[in-house]
Protein backbone atom coordinates (compact mmCIF):
# COMPACT_ATOMS: atom_id res chain seq x y z
CA UNK A 1 -25.07 -47.89 -10.49
CA UNK A 2 -26.12 -44.10 -11.12
CA UNK A 3 -23.35 -42.04 -9.48
CA UNK A 4 -22.70 -38.06 -10.07
CA UNK A 5 -19.60 -37.29 -8.16
CA UNK A 6 -18.46 -33.28 -7.54
CA UNK A 7 -15.25 -32.37 -7.37
CA UNK A 8 -13.03 -29.39 -7.48
CA UNK A 9 -14.31 -27.02 -4.99
CA UNK A 10 -11.76 -25.98 -2.12
CA UNK A 11 -10.54 -22.58 -0.01
CA UNK A 12 -10.71 -19.58 -2.30
CA UNK A 13 -10.28 -16.01 -1.04
CA UNK A 14 -13.14 -13.12 -2.29
CA UNK A 15 -12.43 -12.49 -5.62
CA UNK A 16 -10.90 -15.57 -6.81
CA UNK A 17 -12.33 -18.26 -8.82
CA UNK A 18 -13.01 -22.28 -8.91
CA UNK A 19 -14.16 -24.65 -11.61
CA UNK A 20 -16.14 -27.14 -10.18
CA UNK A 21 -16.82 -30.77 -11.92
CA UNK A 22 -19.41 -33.11 -11.86
CA UNK A 23 -18.41 -36.86 -13.22
CA UNK A 24 -21.54 -38.81 -14.20
CA UNK A 25 -22.13 -42.83 -14.76
CA UNK A 26 -25.00 -45.24 -14.56
CA UNK A 27 -27.58 -44.09 -17.14
CA UNK A 28 -28.00 -41.85 -20.43
CA UNK A 29 -25.97 -38.13 -19.13
CA UNK A 30 -26.51 -36.79 -22.68
CA UNK A 31 -30.29 -37.16 -22.21
CA UNK A 32 -30.52 -34.96 -19.14
CA UNK A 33 -30.85 -31.28 -18.42
CA UNK A 34 -28.25 -31.08 -15.59
CA UNK A 35 -27.82 -28.63 -12.87
CA UNK A 36 -26.02 -27.13 -10.15
CA UNK A 37 -27.37 -26.27 -6.38
CA UNK A 38 -25.69 -25.70 -3.45
CA UNK A 39 -26.30 -25.96 0.59
CA UNK A 40 -25.20 -24.68 3.66
CA UNK A 41 -26.04 -26.25 7.32
CA UNK A 42 -29.10 -25.73 8.29
CA UNK A 43 -30.91 -24.29 5.09
CA UNK A 44 -32.35 -25.96 2.20
CA UNK A 45 -30.66 -26.46 -1.30
CA UNK A 46 -30.60 -23.13 -3.47
CA UNK A 47 -30.55 -23.81 -7.25
CA UNK A 48 -27.02 -22.10 -8.70
CA UNK A 49 -27.91 -23.08 -12.73
CA UNK A 50 -29.38 -25.36 -15.01
CA UNK A 51 -27.96 -27.02 -18.55
CA UNK A 52 -29.78 -28.53 -21.80
CA UNK A 53 -29.07 -31.96 -23.19
CA UNK A 54 -27.01 -30.23 -25.86
CA UNK A 55 -25.37 -28.02 -24.15
CA UNK A 56 -25.62 -24.04 -24.32
CA UNK A 57 -25.80 -20.31 -22.53
CA UNK A 58 -27.24 -22.16 -19.39
CA UNK A 59 -29.98 -19.95 -17.11
CA UNK A 60 -28.77 -19.17 -13.61
CA UNK A 61 -29.78 -17.79 -10.35
CA UNK A 62 -29.76 -14.45 -10.19
CA UNK A 63 -27.23 -14.40 -6.81
CA UNK A 64 -24.88 -15.95 -9.09
CA UNK A 65 -25.40 -14.02 -12.66
CA UNK A 66 -22.71 -13.20 -14.42
CA UNK A 67 -20.38 -14.54 -12.13
CA UNK A 68 -20.76 -18.49 -12.85
CA UNK A 69 -20.71 -20.07 -15.80
CA UNK A 70 -22.01 -24.04 -16.74
CA UNK A 71 -20.91 -26.01 -19.26
CA UNK A 72 -21.06 -29.93 -20.03
CA UNK A 73 -19.43 -32.22 -22.37
CA UNK A 74 -21.33 -35.73 -23.42
CA UNK A 75 -18.68 -37.11 -24.49
CA UNK A 76 -16.82 -37.30 -21.06
CA UNK A 77 -20.29 -37.45 -19.07
CA UNK A 78 -19.34 -34.72 -17.66
CA UNK A 79 -20.67 -31.17 -16.02
CA UNK A 80 -18.51 -27.83 -14.97
CA UNK A 81 -19.44 -25.09 -13.14
CA UNK A 82 -16.92 -21.90 -13.59
CA UNK A 83 -17.04 -19.10 -10.67
CA UNK A 84 -15.51 -15.85 -11.09
CA UNK A 85 -15.43 -13.46 -8.47
CA UNK A 86 -16.08 -15.28 -5.23
CA UNK A 87 -18.13 -13.69 -2.47
CA UNK A 88 -18.05 -15.03 1.00
CA UNK A 89 -21.84 -15.64 0.78
CA UNK A 90 -20.93 -18.84 -2.12
CA UNK A 91 -19.23 -20.90 0.45
CA UNK A 92 -21.78 -23.95 0.71
CA UNK A 93 -21.34 -27.58 -0.53
CA UNK A 94 -22.24 -27.63 -4.80
CA UNK A 95 -23.82 -31.13 -5.76
CA UNK A 96 -24.95 -31.71 -9.36
CA UNK A 97 -28.38 -33.40 -10.13
CA UNK A 98 -30.21 -34.45 -13.16
CA UNK A 99 -33.66 -33.48 -14.52
CA UNK A 100 -36.78 -35.32 -14.47
CA UNK A 101 -38.10 -34.34 -18.23
CA UNK A 102 -40.90 -31.23 -17.70
CA UNK A 103 -42.22 -28.16 -18.98
CA UNK A 104 -38.22 -26.21 -18.05
CA UNK A 105 -37.71 -22.93 -16.66
CA UNK A 106 -36.40 -21.36 -13.58
CA UNK A 107 -38.90 -22.45 -11.40
CA UNK A 108 -39.12 -25.90 -12.51
CA UNK A 109 -35.83 -26.70 -12.33
CA UNK A 110 -35.27 -24.69 -8.78
CA UNK A 111 -37.88 -27.30 -7.23
CA UNK A 112 -35.49 -30.17 -5.62
CA UNK A 113 -38.12 -32.58 -6.52
CA UNK A 114 -37.81 -31.88 -10.31
CA UNK A 115 -34.76 -34.02 -10.74
CA UNK A 116 -34.02 -37.93 -10.61
CA UNK A 117 -30.54 -38.40 -9.77
CA UNK A 118 -28.38 -36.55 -7.41
CA UNK A 119 -24.94 -36.50 -6.46
CA UNK A 120 -22.11 -36.11 -3.70
CA UNK A 121 -21.32 -32.49 -3.43
CA UNK A 122 -17.60 -30.61 -2.83
CA UNK A 123 -17.09 -28.01 -0.32
CA UNK A 124 -16.23 -24.31 -1.75
CA UNK A 125 -15.09 -22.03 1.13
CA UNK A 126 -14.74 -18.70 0.55
CA UNK A 127 -12.70 -16.78 3.20
CA UNK A 128 -9.80 -13.97 3.34
């Protein structure tokens, strides 16, 4: 069975940092571009970042650019999201997803229909 499980969330003060992880199993992790999304109750999922199959710099939503960094370890089938300078508006449930093959780019990866697999999320709360 395909499993994607995000963990590492918690409560942090504004300006603080967290590192999220997403453990993957049941599919060929290294063959998929991977993304992070976040969602608050009553709103649609918001795309956060994506990283290619072999890693690299990643692409980011404007709201997190310069503060968040995504990475992956294909040997461990794990995706990461390092979040710095957290703000109250970053409060959400963060989930990871594996992308279907496609044209790539921000417009493609920001659409929830571009994904083959979705994982269980982890809550991040930024509050003083």
